[in-house]
């Protein structure tokens, strides 16, 4: 809260402005981004609703974690059959495209055309 202000008075003032704050019990907050994941253990989470808009405030100790793209054997087989390439080429293309099957097939096909 704000130092020097009575929490009850602050809550009443927020209510008068149409703001509603709700504490959300949480054990972990996870935010996914491109290639990384932000993990906040034992966070303090508050949801503030004002004029129909919801805002979430998360405080705690955060740690960035590298995200590994999960590539299934079925995805590898699909790329391998569609692009007519080796298993290793299909797997490498999927890793380079972060698991995007269509893009992996296109990249392999383009590479094969260039080699002709």
PDB file of N, CA and C in Angstrom:
ATOM      1  N   UNK A   1       0.826  -1.188   0.000  1.00  0.00           N
ATOM      2  CA  UNK A   1       0.000   0.000   0.000  1.00  0.00           C
ATOM      3  C   UNK A   1       0.873   1.254   0.000  1.00  0.00           C
ATOM      4  N   UNK A   2       0.226   2.384   0.083  1.00  0.00           N
ATOM      5  CA  UNK A   2       0.912   3.664   0.053  1.00  0.00           C
ATOM      6  C   UNK A   2       1.240   4.077   1.480  1.00  0.00           C
ATOM      7  N   UNK A   3       2.516   4.404   1.763  1.00  0.00           N
ATOM      8  CA  UNK A   3       2.902   4.784   3.120  1.00  0.00           C
ATOM      9  C   UNK A   3       2.153   6.031   3.603  1.00  0.00           C
ATOM     10  N   UNK A   4       1.753   6.024   4.856  1.00  0.00           N
ATOM     11  CA  UNK A   4       1.107   7.184   5.459  1.00  0.00           C
ATOM     12  C   UNK A   4      -0.393   7.277   5.200  1.00  0.00           C
ATOM     13  N   UNK A   5      -0.946   6.330   4.461  1.00  0.00           N
ATOM     14  CA  UNK A   5      -2.386   6.346   4.177  1.00  0.00           C
ATOM     15  C   UNK A   5      -3.009   5.102   4.801  1.00  0.00           C
ATOM     16  N   UNK A   6      -4.093   5.329   5.501  1.00  0.00           N
ATOM     17  CA  UNK A   6      -4.817   4.236   6.126  1.00  0.00           C
ATOM     18  C   UNK A   6      -5.349   3.303   5.033  1.00  0.00           C
ATOM     19  N   UNK A   7      -5.058   2.002   5.109  1.00  0.00           N
ATOM     20  CA  UNK A   7      -5.521   1.063   4.082  1.00  0.00           C
ATOM     21  C   UNK A   7      -7.037   1.078   3.893  1.00  0.00           C
ATOM     22  N   UNK A   8      -7.783   1.273   4.989  1.00  0.00           N
ATOM     23  CA  UNK A   8      -9.244   1.312   4.901  1.00  0.00           C
ATOM     24  C   UNK A   8      -9.687   2.539   4.096  1.00  0.00           C
ATOM     25  N   UNK A   9      -9.050   3.711   4.362  1.00  0.00           N
ATOM     26  CA  UNK A   9      -9.380   4.933   3.624  1.00  0.00           C
ATOM     27  C   UNK A   9      -9.044   4.784   2.138  1.00  0.00           C
ATOM     28  N   UNK A  10      -7.922   4.154   1.872  1.00  0.00           N
ATOM     29  CA  UNK A  10      -7.515   3.937   0.489  1.00  0.00           C
ATOM     30  C   UNK A  10      -8.525   3.049  -0.236  1.00  0.00           C
ATOM     31  N   UNK A  11      -8.965   1.992   0.440  1.00  0.00           N
ATOM     32  CA  UNK A  11      -9.946   1.081  -0.149  1.00  0.00           C
ATOM     33  C   UNK A  11     -11.260   1.814  -0.441  1.00  0.00           C
ATOM     34  N   UNK A  12     -11.696   2.664   0.461  1.00  0.00           N
ATOM     35  CA  UNK A  12     -12.927   3.434   0.257  1.00  0.00           C
ATOM     36  C   UNK A  12     -12.773   4.417  -0.905  1.00  0.00           C
ATOM     37  N   UNK A  13     -11.622   5.066  -0.989  1.00  0.00           N
ATOM     38  CA  UNK A  13     -11.375   6.011  -2.088  1.00  0.00           C
ATOM     39  C   UNK A  13     -11.371   5.277  -3.427  1.00  0.00           C
ATOM     40  N   UNK A  14     -10.774   4.102  -3.469  1.00  0.00           N
ATOM     41  CA  UNK A  14     -10.753   3.301  -4.691  1.00  0.00           C
ATOM     42  C   UNK A  14     -12.173   2.908  -5.092  1.00  0.00           C
ATOM     43  N   UNK A  15     -12.979   2.536  -4.109  1.00  0.00           N
ATOM     44  CA  UNK A  15     -14.360   2.141  -4.373  1.00  0.00           C
ATOM     45  C   UNK A  15     -15.147   3.315  -4.949  1.00  0.00           C
ATOM     46  N   UNK A  16     -14.923   4.522  -4.426  1.00  0.00           N
ATOM     47  CA  UNK A  16     -15.612   5.715  -4.929  1.00  0.00           C
ATOM     48  C   UNK A  16     -15.246   5.992  -6.389  1.00  0.00           C
ATOM     49  N   UNK A  17     -14.007   5.665  -6.768  1.00  0.00           N
ATOM     50  CA  UNK A  17     -13.556   5.876  -8.150  1.00  0.00           C
ATOM     51  C   UNK A  17     -13.956   4.717  -9.062  1.00  0.00           C
ATOM     52  N   UNK A  18     -14.655   3.742  -8.517  1.00  0.00           N
ATOM     53  CA  UNK A  18     -15.079   2.598  -9.325  1.00  0.00           C
ATOM     54  C   UNK A  18     -14.004   1.544  -9.478  1.00  0.00           C
ATOM     55  N   UNK A  19     -13.017   1.553  -8.591  1.00  0.00           N
ATOM     56  CA  UNK A  19     -11.933   0.572  -8.639  1.00  0.00           C
ATOM     57  C   UNK A  19     -12.202  -0.527  -7.620  1.00  0.00           C
ATOM     58  N   UNK A  20     -12.032  -1.753  -8.065  1.00  0.00           N
ATOM     59  CA  UNK A  20     -12.192  -2.893  -7.172  1.00  0.00           C
ATOM     60  C   UNK A  20     -10.900  -3.694  -7.214  1.00  0.00           C
ATOM     61  N   UNK A  21     -10.317  -3.946  -6.047  1.00  0.00           N
ATOM     62  CA  UNK A  21      -9.088  -4.730  -5.973  1.00  0.00           C
ATOM     63  C   UNK A  21      -9.386  -6.048  -5.292  1.00  0.00           C
ATOM     64  N   UNK A  22      -8.870  -7.108  -5.893  1.00  0.00           N
ATOM     65  CA  UNK A  22      -9.078  -8.449  -5.368  1.00  0.00           C
ATOM     66  C   UNK A  22      -7.730  -9.163  -5.320  1.00  0.00           C
ATOM     67  N   UNK A  23      -7.378  -9.706  -4.159  1.00  0.00           N
ATOM     68  CA  UNK A  23      -6.145 -10.484  -4.046  1.00  0.00           C
ATOM     69  C   UNK A  23      -6.424 -11.893  -4.563  1.00  0.00           C
ATOM     70  N   UNK A  24      -5.498 -12.408  -5.341  1.00  0.00           N
ATOM     71  CA  UNK A  24      -5.649 -13.737  -5.917  1.00  0.00           C
ATOM     72  C   UNK A  24      -4.588 -14.647  -5.309  1.00  0.00           C
ATOM     73  N   UNK A  25      -5.022 -15.718  -4.638  1.00  0.00           N
ATOM     74  CA  UNK A  25      -4.038 -16.642  -4.067  1.00  0.00           C
ATOM     75  C   UNK A  25      -3.343 -17.412  -5.205  1.00  0.00           C
ATOM     76  N   UNK A  26      -2.028 -17.376  -5.229  1.00  0.00           N
ATOM     77  CA  UNK A  26      -1.284 -18.056  -6.285  1.00  0.00           C
ATOM     78  C   UNK A  26       0.010 -18.625  -5.708  1.00  0.00           C
ATOM     79  N   UNK A  27       0.440 -19.744  -6.254  1.00  0.00           N
ATOM     80  CA  UNK A  27       1.704 -20.336  -5.837  1.00  0.00           C
ATOM     81  C   UNK A  27       2.795 -20.100  -6.876  1.00  0.00           C
ATOM     82  N   UNK A  28       2.371 -19.791  -8.131  1.00  0.00           N
ATOM     83  CA  UNK A  28       3.337 -19.553  -9.205  1.00  0.00           C
ATOM     84  C   UNK A  28       2.660 -18.754 -10.309  1.00  0.00           C
ATOM     85  N   UNK A  29       3.390 -17.815 -10.878  1.00  0.00           N
ATOM     86  CA  UNK A  29       2.925 -17.075 -12.052  1.00  0.00           C
ATOM     87  C   UNK A  29       3.925 -17.336 -13.175  1.00  0.00           C
ATOM     88  N   UNK A  30       3.407 -17.684 -14.360  1.00  0.00           N
ATOM     89  CA  UNK A  30       4.266 -18.017 -15.484  1.00  0.00           C
ATOM     90  C   UNK A  30       3.869 -17.148 -16.676  1.00  0.00           C
ATOM     91  N   UNK A  31       4.864 -16.499 -17.285  1.00  0.00           N
ATOM     92  CA  UNK A  31       4.636 -15.669 -18.465  1.00  0.00           C
ATOM     93  C   UNK A  31       5.518 -16.222 -19.581  1.00  0.00           C
ATOM     94  N   UNK A  32       4.869 -16.621 -20.673  1.00  0.00           N
ATOM     95  CA  UNK A  32       5.594 -17.194 -21.804  1.00  0.00           C
ATOM     96  C   UNK A  32       5.897 -16.109 -22.821  1.00  0.00           C
ATOM     97  N   UNK A  33       7.128 -16.088 -23.304  1.00  0.00           N
ATOM     98  CA  UNK A  33       7.509 -15.169 -24.370  1.00  0.00           C
ATOM     99  C   UNK A  33       8.326 -15.955 -25.389  1.00  0.00           C
ATOM    100  N   UNK A  34       8.740 -15.293 -26.433  1.00  0.00           N
ATOM    101  CA  UNK A  34       9.476 -15.946 -27.500  1.00  0.00           C
ATOM    102  C   UNK A  34      10.804 -16.503 -27.000  1.00  0.00           C
ATOM    103  N   UNK A  35      10.881 -17.818 -26.860  1.00  0.00           N
ATOM    104  CA  UNK A  35      12.126 -18.465 -26.482  1.00  0.00           C
ATOM    105  C   UNK A  35      12.450 -18.488 -25.002  1.00  0.00           C
ATOM    106  N   UNK A  36      11.708 -17.756 -24.174  1.00  0.00           N
ATOM    107  CA  UNK A  36      11.980 -17.730 -22.738  1.00  0.00           C
ATOM    108  C   UNK A  36      10.672 -17.740 -21.962  1.00  0.00           C
ATOM    109  N   UNK A  37      10.776 -18.150 -20.728  1.00  0.00           N
ATOM    110  CA  UNK A  37       9.624 -18.170 -19.832  1.00  0.00           C
ATOM    111  C   UNK A  37      10.007 -17.465 -18.544  1.00  0.00           C
ATOM    112  N   UNK A  38       9.145 -16.563 -18.076  1.00  0.00           N
ATOM    113  CA  UNK A  38       9.365 -15.854 -16.822  1.00  0.00           C
ATOM    114  C   UNK A  38       8.556 -16.570 -15.746  1.00  0.00           C
ATOM    115  N   UNK A  39       9.239 -17.063 -14.722  1.00  0.00           N
ATOM    116  CA  UNK A  39       8.581 -17.804 -13.647  1.00  0.00           C
ATOM    117  C   UNK A  39       8.724 -17.011 -12.348  1.00  0.00           C
ATOM    118  N   UNK A  40       7.591 -16.780 -11.678  1.00  0.00           N
ATOM    119  CA  UNK A  40       7.582 -16.064 -10.401  1.00  0.00           C
ATOM    120  C   UNK A  40       6.994 -17.009  -9.365  1.00  0.00           C
ATOM    121  N   UNK A  41       7.834 -17.455  -8.437  1.00  0.00           N
ATOM    122  CA  UNK A  41       7.399 -18.378  -7.389  1.00  0.00           C
ATOM    123  C   UNK A  41       6.805 -17.594  -6.228  1.00  0.00           C
ATOM    124  N   UNK A  42       5.775 -18.136  -5.599  1.00  0.00           N
ATOM    125  CA  UNK A  42       5.091 -17.521  -4.457  1.00  0.00           C
ATOM    126  C   UNK A  42       4.805 -16.033  -4.667  1.00  0.00           C
ATOM    127  N   UNK A  43       4.114 -15.696  -5.759  1.00  0.00           N
ATOM    128  CA  UNK A  43       3.856 -14.281  -6.046  1.00  0.00           C
ATOM    129  C   UNK A  43       2.692 -13.724  -5.234  1.00  0.00           C
ATOM    130  N   UNK A  44       2.678 -12.408  -5.095  1.00  0.00           N
ATOM    131  CA  UNK A  44       1.516 -11.704  -4.564  1.00  0.00           C
ATOM    132  C   UNK A  44       0.808 -11.157  -5.801  1.00  0.00           C
ATOM    133  N   UNK A  45      -0.418 -11.617  -6.041  1.00  0.00           N
ATOM    134  CA  UNK A  45      -1.147 -11.242  -7.243  1.00  0.00           C
ATOM    135  C   UNK A  45      -2.401 -10.465  -6.852  1.00  0.00           C
ATOM    136  N   UNK A  46      -2.592  -9.318  -7.478  1.00  0.00           N
ATOM    137  CA  UNK A  46      -3.775  -8.501  -7.229  1.00  0.00           C
ATOM    138  C   UNK A  46      -4.441  -8.205  -8.569  1.00  0.00           C
ATOM    139  N   UNK A  47      -5.763  -8.334  -8.599  1.00  0.00           N
ATOM    140  CA  UNK A  47      -6.539  -7.993  -9.790  1.00  0.00           C
ATOM    141  C   UNK A  47      -7.274  -6.698  -9.487  1.00  0.00           C
ATOM    142  N   UNK A  48      -7.077  -5.692 -10.337  1.00  0.00           N
ATOM    143  CA  UNK A  48      -7.741  -4.402 -10.166  1.00  0.00           C
ATOM    144  C   UNK A  48      -8.687  -4.212 -11.341  1.00  0.00           C
ATOM    145  N   UNK A  49      -9.960  -3.979 -11.035  1.00  0.00           N
ATOM    146  CA  UNK A  49     -10.962  -3.735 -12.067  1.00  0.00           C
ATOM    147  C   UNK A  49     -11.363  -2.272 -11.999  1.00  0.00           C
ATOM    148  N   UNK A  50     -11.229  -1.572 -13.142  1.00  0.00           N
ATOM    149  CA  UNK A  50     -11.580  -0.153 -13.203  1.00  0.00           C
ATOM    150  C   UNK A  50     -12.210   0.121 -14.556  1.00  0.00           C
ATOM    151  N   UNK A  51     -13.406   0.625 -14.547  1.00  0.00           N
ATOM    152  CA  UNK A  51     -14.142   0.946 -15.759  1.00  0.00           C
ATOM    153  C   UNK A  51     -14.225  -0.244 -16.713  1.00  0.00           C
ATOM    154  N   UNK A  52     -14.454  -1.421 -16.157  1.00  0.00           N
ATOM    155  CA  UNK A  52     -14.616  -2.623 -16.967  1.00  0.00           C
ATOM    156  C   UNK A  52     -13.328  -3.270 -17.427  1.00  0.00           C
ATOM    157  N   UNK A  53     -12.205  -2.660 -17.162  1.00  0.00           N
ATOM    158  CA  UNK A  53     -10.908  -3.198 -17.560  1.00  0.00           C
ATOM    159  C   UNK A  53     -10.251  -3.886 -16.368  1.00  0.00           C
ATOM    160  N   UNK A  54      -9.694  -5.062 -16.613  1.00  0.00           N
ATOM    161  CA  UNK A  54      -8.995  -5.797 -15.554  1.00  0.00           C
ATOM    162  C   UNK A  54      -7.489  -5.649 -15.736  1.00  0.00           C
ATOM    163  N   UNK A  55      -6.810  -5.345 -14.650  1.00  0.00           N
ATOM    164  CA  UNK A  55      -5.360  -5.239 -14.644  1.00  0.00           C
ATOM    165  C   UNK A  55      -4.833  -6.151 -13.543  1.00  0.00           C
ATOM    166  N   UNK A  56      -3.745  -6.850 -13.839  1.00  0.00           N
ATOM    167  CA  UNK A  56      -3.154  -7.747 -12.856  1.00  0.00           C
ATOM    168  C   UNK A  56      -1.786  -7.210 -12.453  1.00  0.00           C
ATOM    169  N   UNK A  57      -1.550  -7.198 -11.158  1.00  0.00           N
ATOM    170  CA  UNK A  57      -0.259  -6.756 -10.633  1.00  0.00           C
ATOM    171  C   UNK A  57       0.368  -7.963  -9.942  1.00  0.00           C
ATOM    172  N   UNK A  58       1.584  -8.292 -10.347  1.00  0.00           N
ATOM    173  CA  UNK A  58       2.284  -9.449  -9.801  1.00  0.00           C
ATOM    174  C   UNK A  58       3.601  -8.973  -9.200  1.00  0.00           C
ATOM    175  N   UNK A  59       3.824  -9.304  -7.937  1.00  0.00           N
ATOM    176  CA  UNK A  59       5.104  -8.979  -7.304  1.00  0.00           C
ATOM    177  C   UNK A  59       5.714 -10.256  -6.760  1.00  0.00           C
ATOM    178  N   UNK A  60       7.015 -10.314  -6.775  1.00  0.00           N
ATOM    179  CA  UNK A  60       7.732 -11.486  -6.287  1.00  0.00           C
ATOM    180  C   UNK A  60       9.077 -11.578  -6.966  1.00  0.00           C
ATOM    181  N   UNK A  61       9.795 -12.632  -6.687  1.00  0.00           N
ATOM    182  CA  UNK A  61      11.107 -12.847  -7.277  1.00  0.00           C
ATOM    183  C   UNK A  61      10.949 -13.638  -8.568  1.00  0.00           C
ATOM    184  N   UNK A  62      11.404 -13.041  -9.664  1.00  0.00           N
ATOM    185  CA  UNK A  62      11.238 -13.652 -10.981  1.00  0.00           C
ATOM    186  C   UNK A  62      12.540 -14.275 -11.459  1.00  0.00           C
ATOM    187  N   UNK A  63      12.388 -15.309 -12.297  1.00  0.00           N
ATOM    188  CA  UNK A  63      13.545 -15.980 -12.877  1.00  0.00           C
ATOM    189  C   UNK A  63      13.221 -16.334 -14.321  1.00  0.00           C
ATOM    190  N   UNK A  64      14.120 -15.954 -15.253  1.00  0.00           N
ATOM    191  CA  UNK A  64      13.945 -16.313 -16.661  1.00  0.00           C
ATOM    192  C   UNK A  64      14.449 -17.722 -16.884  1.00  0.00           C
ATOM    193  N   UNK A  65      13.696 -18.496 -17.648  1.00  0.00           N
ATOM    194  CA  UNK A  65      14.049 -19.884 -17.947  1.00  0.00           C
ATOM    195  C   UNK A  65      13.991 -20.062 -19.460  1.00  0.00           C
ATOM    196  N   UNK A  66      14.996 -20.728 -20.034  1.00  0.00           N
ATOM    197  CA  UNK A  66      14.996 -21.010 -21.469  1.00  0.00           C
ATOM    198  C   UNK A  66      13.865 -21.983 -21.785  1.00  0.00           C
ATOM    199  N   UNK A  67      13.150 -21.717 -22.871  1.00  0.00           N
ATOM    200  CA  UNK A  67      12.052 -22.581 -23.287  1.00  0.00           C
ATOM    201  C   UNK A  67      12.547 -23.502 -24.387  1.00  0.00           C
ATOM    202  N   UNK A  68      12.346 -24.780 -24.183  1.00  0.00           N
ATOM    203  CA  UNK A  68      12.710 -25.768 -25.188  1.00  0.00           C
ATOM    204  C   UNK A  68      11.479 -26.122 -26.008  1.00  0.00           C
ATOM    205  N   UNK A  69      11.590 -26.071 -27.336  1.00  0.00           N
ATOM    206  CA  UNK A  69      10.486 -26.429 -28.208  1.00  0.00           C
ATOM    207  C   UNK A  69      10.349 -27.945 -28.217  1.00  0.00           C
ATOM    208  N   UNK A  70       9.137 -28.408 -27.945  1.00  0.00           N
ATOM    209  CA  UNK A  70       8.872 -29.840 -27.951  1.00  0.00           C
ATOM    210  C   UNK A  70       8.545 -30.278 -29.381  1.00  0.00           C
ATOM    211  N   UNK A  71       9.329 -31.210 -29.893  1.00  0.00           N
ATOM    212  CA  UNK A  71       9.115 -31.721 -31.243  1.00  0.00           C
ATOM    213  C   UNK A  71       8.813 -33.207 -31.128  1.00  0.00           C
ATOM    214  N   UNK A  72       7.639 -33.595 -31.606  1.00  0.00           N
ATOM    215  CA  UNK A  72       7.234 -35.002 -31.508  1.00  0.00           C
ATOM    216  C   UNK A  72       7.780 -35.797 -32.690  1.00  0.00           C
ATOM    217  N   UNK A  73       7.836 -37.111 -32.506  1.00  0.00           N
ATOM    218  CA  UNK A  73       8.267 -37.998 -33.589  1.00  0.00           C
ATOM    219  C   UNK A  73       7.306 -37.904 -34.774  1.00  0.00           C
ATOM    220  N   UNK A  74       6.026 -37.701 -34.471  1.00  0.00           N
ATOM    221  CA  UNK A  74       5.027 -37.585 -35.539  1.00  0.00           C
ATOM    222  C   UNK A  74       5.297 -36.342 -36.384  1.00  0.00           C
ATOM    223  N   UNK A  75       5.680 -35.220 -35.736  1.00  0.00           N
ATOM    224  CA  UNK A  75       6.012 -33.998 -36.477  1.00  0.00           C
ATOM    225  C   UNK A  75       7.217 -34.235 -37.391  1.00  0.00           C
ATOM    226  N   UNK A  76       8.219 -34.934 -36.867  1.00  0.00           N
ATOM    227  CA  UNK A  76       9.418 -35.232 -37.661  1.00  0.00           C
ATOM    228  C   UNK A  76       9.044 -36.086 -38.871  1.00  0.00           C
ATOM    229  N   UNK A  77       8.208 -37.103 -38.652  1.00  0.00           N
ATOM    230  CA  UNK A  77       7.783 -37.983 -39.745  1.00  0.00           C
ATOM    231  C   UNK A  77       6.983 -37.212 -40.797  1.00  0.00           C
ATOM    232  N   UNK A  78       6.123 -36.306 -40.350  1.00  0.00           N
ATOM    233  CA  UNK A  78       5.317 -35.509 -41.283  1.00  0.00           C
ATOM    234  C   UNK A  78       6.213 -34.673 -42.183  1.00  0.00           C
ATOM    235  N   UNK A  79       7.195 -33.988 -41.576  1.00  0.00           N
ATOM    236  CA  UNK A  79       8.123 -33.156 -42.364  1.00  0.00           C
ATOM    237  C   UNK A  79       8.957 -34.040 -43.279  1.00  0.00           C
ATOM    238  N   UNK A  80       9.428 -35.158 -42.753  1.00  0.00           N
ATOM    239  CA  UNK A  80      10.273 -36.066 -43.516  1.00  0.00           C
ATOM    240  C   UNK A  80       9.534 -36.580 -44.757  1.00  0.00           C
ATOM    241  N   UNK A  81       8.282 -36.986 -44.604  1.00  0.00           N
ATOM    242  CA  UNK A  81       7.499 -37.500 -45.729  1.00  0.00           C
ATOM    243  C   UNK A  81       7.131 -36.389 -46.712  1.00  0.00           C
ATOM    244  N   UNK A  82       6.718 -35.242 -46.197  1.00  0.00           N
ATOM    245  CA  UNK A  82       6.275 -34.148 -47.065  1.00  0.00           C
ATOM    246  C   UNK A  82       7.420 -33.525 -47.851  1.00  0.00           C
ATOM    247  N   UNK A  83       8.570 -33.381 -47.218  1.00  0.00           N
ATOM    248  CA  UNK A  83       9.716 -32.734 -47.872  1.00  0.00           C
ATOM    249  C   UNK A  83      10.666 -33.745 -48.509  1.00  0.00           C
ATOM    250  N   UNK A  84      10.371 -35.029 -48.320  1.00  0.00           N
ATOM    251  CA  UNK A  84      11.221 -36.100 -48.856  1.00  0.00           C
ATOM    252  C   UNK A  84      12.677 -35.881 -48.472  1.00  0.00           C
ATOM    253  N   UNK A  85      12.913 -35.892 -47.172  1.00  0.00           N
ATOM    254  CA  UNK A  85      14.260 -35.655 -46.656  1.00  0.00           C
ATOM    255  C   UNK A  85      14.569 -36.672 -45.556  1.00  0.00           C
ATOM    256  N   UNK A  86      15.781 -36.597 -45.032  1.00  0.00           N
ATOM    257  CA  UNK A  86      16.177 -37.500 -43.956  1.00  0.00           C
ATOM    258  C   UNK A  86      15.555 -37.066 -42.627  1.00  0.00           C
ATOM    259  N   UNK A  87      15.582 -37.987 -41.697  1.00  0.00           N
ATOM    260  CA  UNK A  87      15.041 -37.697 -40.364  1.00  0.00           C
ATOM    261  C   UNK A  87      15.824 -36.560 -39.715  1.00  0.00           C
ATOM    262  N   UNK A  88      17.138 -36.560 -39.887  1.00  0.00           N
ATOM    263  CA  UNK A  88      17.991 -35.533 -39.302  1.00  0.00           C
ATOM    264  C   UNK A  88      17.680 -34.151 -39.880  1.00  0.00           C
ATOM    265  N   UNK A  89      17.469 -34.085 -41.207  1.00  0.00           N
ATOM    266  CA  UNK A  89      17.131 -32.807 -41.839  1.00  0.00           C
ATOM    267  C   UNK A  89      15.791 -32.287 -41.331  1.00  0.00           C
ATOM    268  N   UNK A  90      14.825 -33.197 -41.205  1.00  0.00           N
ATOM    269  CA  UNK A  90      13.491 -32.813 -40.722  1.00  0.00           C
ATOM    270  C   UNK A  90      13.567 -32.301 -39.293  1.00  0.00           C
ATOM    271  N   UNK A  91      14.314 -32.999 -38.450  1.00  0.00           N
ATOM    272  CA  UNK A  91      14.447 -32.595 -37.049  1.00  0.00           C
ATOM    273  C   UNK A  91      15.150 -31.245 -36.929  1.00  0.00           C
ATOM    274  N   UNK A  92      16.200 -31.035 -37.702  1.00  0.00           N
ATOM    275  CA  UNK A  92      16.938 -29.761 -37.681  1.00  0.00           C
ATOM    276  C   UNK A  92      16.049 -28.611 -38.148  1.00  0.00           C
ATOM    277  N   UNK A  93      15.284 -28.846 -39.207  1.00  0.00           N
ATOM    278  CA  UNK A  93      14.393 -27.802 -39.725  1.00  0.00           C
ATOM    279  C   UNK A  93      13.322 -27.451 -38.696  1.00  0.00           C
ATOM    280  N   UNK A  94      12.793 -28.447 -38.002  1.00  0.00           N
ATOM    281  CA  UNK A  94      11.782 -28.187 -36.975  1.00  0.00           C
ATOM    282  C   UNK A  94      12.377 -27.394 -35.806  1.00  0.00           C
ATOM    283  N   UNK A  95      13.608 -27.705 -35.433  1.00  0.00           N
ATOM    284  CA  UNK A  95      14.258 -26.954 -34.360  1.00  0.00           C
ATOM    285  C   UNK A  95      14.474 -25.499 -34.775  1.00  0.00           C
ATOM    286  N   UNK A  96      14.897 -25.299 -36.024  1.00  0.00           N
ATOM    287  CA  UNK A  96      15.161 -23.940 -36.523  1.00  0.00           C
ATOM    288  C   UNK A  96      13.892 -23.109 -36.688  1.00  0.00           C
ATOM    289  N   UNK A  97      12.748 -23.772 -36.859  1.00  0.00           N
ATOM    290  CA  UNK A  97      11.474 -23.064 -37.036  1.00  0.00           C
ATOM    291  C   UNK A  97      10.614 -23.146 -35.781  1.00  0.00           C
ATOM    292  N   UNK A  98      11.220 -23.549 -34.675  1.00  0.00           N
ATOM    293  CA  UNK A  98      10.529 -23.637 -33.378  1.00  0.00           C
ATOM    294  C   UNK A  98       9.276 -24.495 -33.445  1.00  0.00           C
ATOM    295  N   UNK A  99       9.383 -25.604 -34.194  1.00  0.00           N
ATOM    296  CA  UNK A  99       8.287 -26.564 -34.250  1.00  0.00           C
ATOM    297  C   UNK A  99       7.229 -26.284 -35.296  1.00  0.00           C
ATOM    298  N   UNK A 100       7.420 -25.279 -36.140  1.00  0.00           N
ATOM    299  CA  UNK A 100       6.441 -24.938 -37.174  1.00  0.00           C
ATOM    300  C   UNK A 100       6.628 -25.899 -38.352  1.00  0.00           C
ATOM    301  N   UNK A 101       5.686 -26.846 -38.493  1.00  0.00           N
ATOM    302  CA  UNK A 101       5.794 -27.903 -39.502  1.00  0.00           C
ATOM    303  C   UNK A 101       5.801 -27.335 -40.920  1.00  0.00           C
ATOM    304  N   UNK A 102       4.843 -26.455 -41.212  1.00  0.00           N
ATOM    305  CA  UNK A 102       4.740 -25.902 -42.571  1.00  0.00           C
ATOM    306  C   UNK A 102       6.002 -25.140 -42.962  1.00  0.00           C
ATOM    307  N   UNK A 103       6.505 -24.329 -42.042  1.00  0.00           N
ATOM    308  CA  UNK A 103       7.713 -23.550 -42.338  1.00  0.00           C
ATOM    309  C   UNK A 103       8.924 -24.471 -42.527  1.00  0.00           C
ATOM    310  N   UNK A 104       8.988 -25.532 -41.736  1.00  0.00           N
ATOM    311  CA  UNK A 104      10.098 -26.494 -41.863  1.00  0.00           C
ATOM    312  C   UNK A 104      10.067 -27.150 -43.237  1.00  0.00           C
ATOM    313  N   UNK A 105       8.890 -27.556 -43.692  1.00  0.00           N
ATOM    314  CA  UNK A 105       8.758 -28.180 -45.017  1.00  0.00           C
ATOM    315  C   UNK A 105       9.178 -27.194 -46.104  1.00  0.00           C
ATOM    316  N   UNK A 106       8.728 -25.943 -46.000  1.00  0.00           N
ATOM    317  CA  UNK A 106       9.089 -24.934 -46.996  1.00  0.00           C
ATOM    318  C   UNK A 106      10.592 -24.693 -47.043  1.00  0.00           C
ATOM    319  N   UNK A 107      11.224 -24.596 -45.879  1.00  0.00           N
ATOM    320  CA  UNK A 107      12.677 -24.340 -45.842  1.00  0.00           C
ATOM    321  C   UNK A 107      13.450 -25.493 -46.479  1.00  0.00           C
ATOM    322  N   UNK A 108      13.043 -26.719 -46.182  1.00  0.00           N
ATOM    323  CA  UNK A 108      13.730 -27.876 -46.778  1.00  0.00           C
ATOM    324  C   UNK A 108      13.511 -27.895 -48.279  1.00  0.00           C
ATOM    325  N   UNK A 109      12.283 -27.629 -48.719  1.00  0.00           N
ATOM    326  CA  UNK A 109      11.979 -27.613 -50.152  1.00  0.00           C
ATOM    327  C   UNK A 109      12.786 -26.548 -50.874  1.00  0.00           C
ATOM    328  N   UNK A 110      12.896 -25.364 -50.280  1.00  0.00           N
ATOM    329  CA  UNK A 110      13.686 -24.290 -50.886  1.00  0.00           C
ATOM    330  C   UNK A 110      15.153 -24.680 -50.977  1.00  0.00           C
ATOM    331  N   UNK A 111      15.662 -25.303 -49.920  1.00  0.00           N
ATOM    332  CA  UNK A 111      17.062 -25.735 -49.914  1.00  0.00           C
ATOM    333  C   UNK A 111      17.302 -26.773 -51.017  1.00  0.00           C
ATOM    334  N   UNK A 112      16.351 -27.683 -51.184  1.00  0.00           N
ATOM    335  CA  UNK A 112      16.495 -28.716 -52.213  1.00  0.00           C
ATOM    336  C   UNK A 112      16.484 -28.097 -53.617  1.00  0.00           C
ATOM    337  N   UNK A 113      15.639 -27.088 -53.843  1.00  0.00           N
ATOM    338  CA  UNK A 113      15.587 -26.417 -55.140  1.00  0.00           C
ATOM    339  C   UNK A 113      16.892 -25.702 -55.442  1.00  0.00           C
ATOM    340  N   UNK A 114      17.482 -25.064 -54.402  1.00  0.00           N
ATOM    341  CA  UNK A 114      18.744 -24.337 -54.573  1.00  0.00           C
ATOM    342  C   UNK A 114      19.888 -25.289 -54.921  1.00  0.00           C
ATOM    343  N   UNK A 115      19.826 -26.510 -54.417  1.00  0.00           N
ATOM    344  CA  UNK A 115      20.896 -27.479 -54.659  1.00  0.00           C
ATOM    345  C   UNK A 115      20.808 -28.107 -56.025  1.00  0.00           C
ATOM    346  N   UNK A 116      19.690 -27.943 -56.714  1.00  0.00           N
ATOM    347  CA  UNK A 116      19.498 -28.548 -58.043  1.00  0.00           C
ATOM    348  C   UNK A 116      20.270 -27.845 -59.096  1.00  0.00           C
TER     349      UNK A 116
END
